[in-house]
């Protein structure tokens, strides 16, 4: 996995979490009261986004290698 893939997944996850907390006031209240909730809310989507970014990287490299 390239460092760029990891960085892109991290930035996308940060945006996802910030939008989620901003859109749903219940999440924002829970996030300010319980730091473990924020960590769990971040870690799950990060792993999923990282997986899809890694998959996209592999497909992109395979497509570029054929040409």
Protein backbone atom coordinates (compact mmCIF):
# COMPACT_ATOMS: atom_id res chain seq x y z
CA UNK A 1 0.00 0.00 0.00
CA UNK A 2 1.34 3.37 -0.97
CA UNK A 3 1.50 6.22 1.57
CA UNK A 4 -0.71 8.30 -0.73
CA UNK A 5 -3.48 5.72 -0.47
CA UNK A 6 -3.30 5.81 3.31
CA UNK A 7 -3.37 9.63 3.32
CA UNK A 8 -6.35 9.79 0.98
CA UNK A 9 -8.27 7.28 3.11
CA UNK A 10 -7.47 9.27 6.25
CA UNK A 11 -8.63 12.58 4.76
CA UNK A 12 -11.82 11.03 3.37
CA UNK A 13 -12.60 9.47 6.75
CA UNK A 14 -12.02 12.76 8.57
CA UNK A 15 -14.44 14.46 6.18
CA UNK A 16 -16.97 11.65 6.62
CA UNK A 17 -16.83 11.86 10.41
CA UNK A 18 -17.04 15.66 10.48
CA UNK A 19 -20.05 15.68 8.16
CA UNK A 20 -21.70 12.92 10.18
CA UNK A 21 -21.24 14.79 13.45
CA UNK A 22 -22.42 18.06 11.89
CA UNK A 23 -25.49 16.51 10.27
CA UNK A 24 -26.71 14.57 13.28
CA UNK A 25 -26.85 16.57 16.54
CA UNK A 26 -27.22 13.38 18.57
CA UNK A 27 -23.78 12.23 17.37
CA UNK A 28 -22.29 15.62 18.18
CA UNK A 29 -23.60 15.46 21.76
CA UNK A 30 -22.31 11.93 22.23
CA UNK A 31 -18.96 12.85 20.68
CA UNK A 32 -18.39 15.73 23.08
CA UNK A 33 -19.29 13.66 26.13
CA UNK A 34 -17.51 10.41 25.30
CA UNK A 35 -14.11 10.33 23.59
CA UNK A 36 -14.26 6.56 23.10
CA UNK A 37 -17.33 7.02 20.93
CA UNK A 38 -15.38 9.35 18.66
CA UNK A 39 -12.55 6.84 18.33
CA UNK A 40 -14.94 4.01 17.48
CA UNK A 41 -16.88 6.23 15.10
CA UNK A 42 -13.63 7.03 13.31
CA UNK A 43 -11.92 3.63 13.31
CA UNK A 44 -14.70 1.63 11.66
CA UNK A 45 -15.22 3.90 8.64
CA UNK A 46 -11.45 4.38 8.33
CA UNK A 47 -10.87 0.65 7.87
CA UNK A 48 -13.65 0.45 5.26
CA UNK A 49 -12.45 3.53 3.36
CA UNK A 50 -8.85 2.29 3.54
CA UNK A 51 -9.91 -1.06 2.06
CA UNK A 52 -11.70 0.60 -0.86
CA UNK A 53 -8.78 2.97 -1.47
CA UNK A 54 -6.38 0.02 -1.46
CA UNK A 55 -8.62 -1.86 -3.89
CA UNK A 56 -8.81 1.21 -6.15
CA UNK A 57 -5.02 1.54 -6.05
CA UNK A 58 -4.58 -2.09 -7.11
CA UNK A 59 -7.07 -1.74 -9.97
CA UNK A 60 -5.51 1.52 -11.15
CA UNK A 61 -1.99 0.07 -11.12
CA UNK A 62 -3.20 -3.02 -12.97
CA UNK A 63 -4.95 -0.88 -15.61
CA UNK A 64 -1.89 1.32 -16.11
CA UNK A 65 0.42 -1.69 -16.30
CA UNK A 66 -1.52 -3.26 -19.21
CA UNK A 67 -0.88 -0.26 -21.46
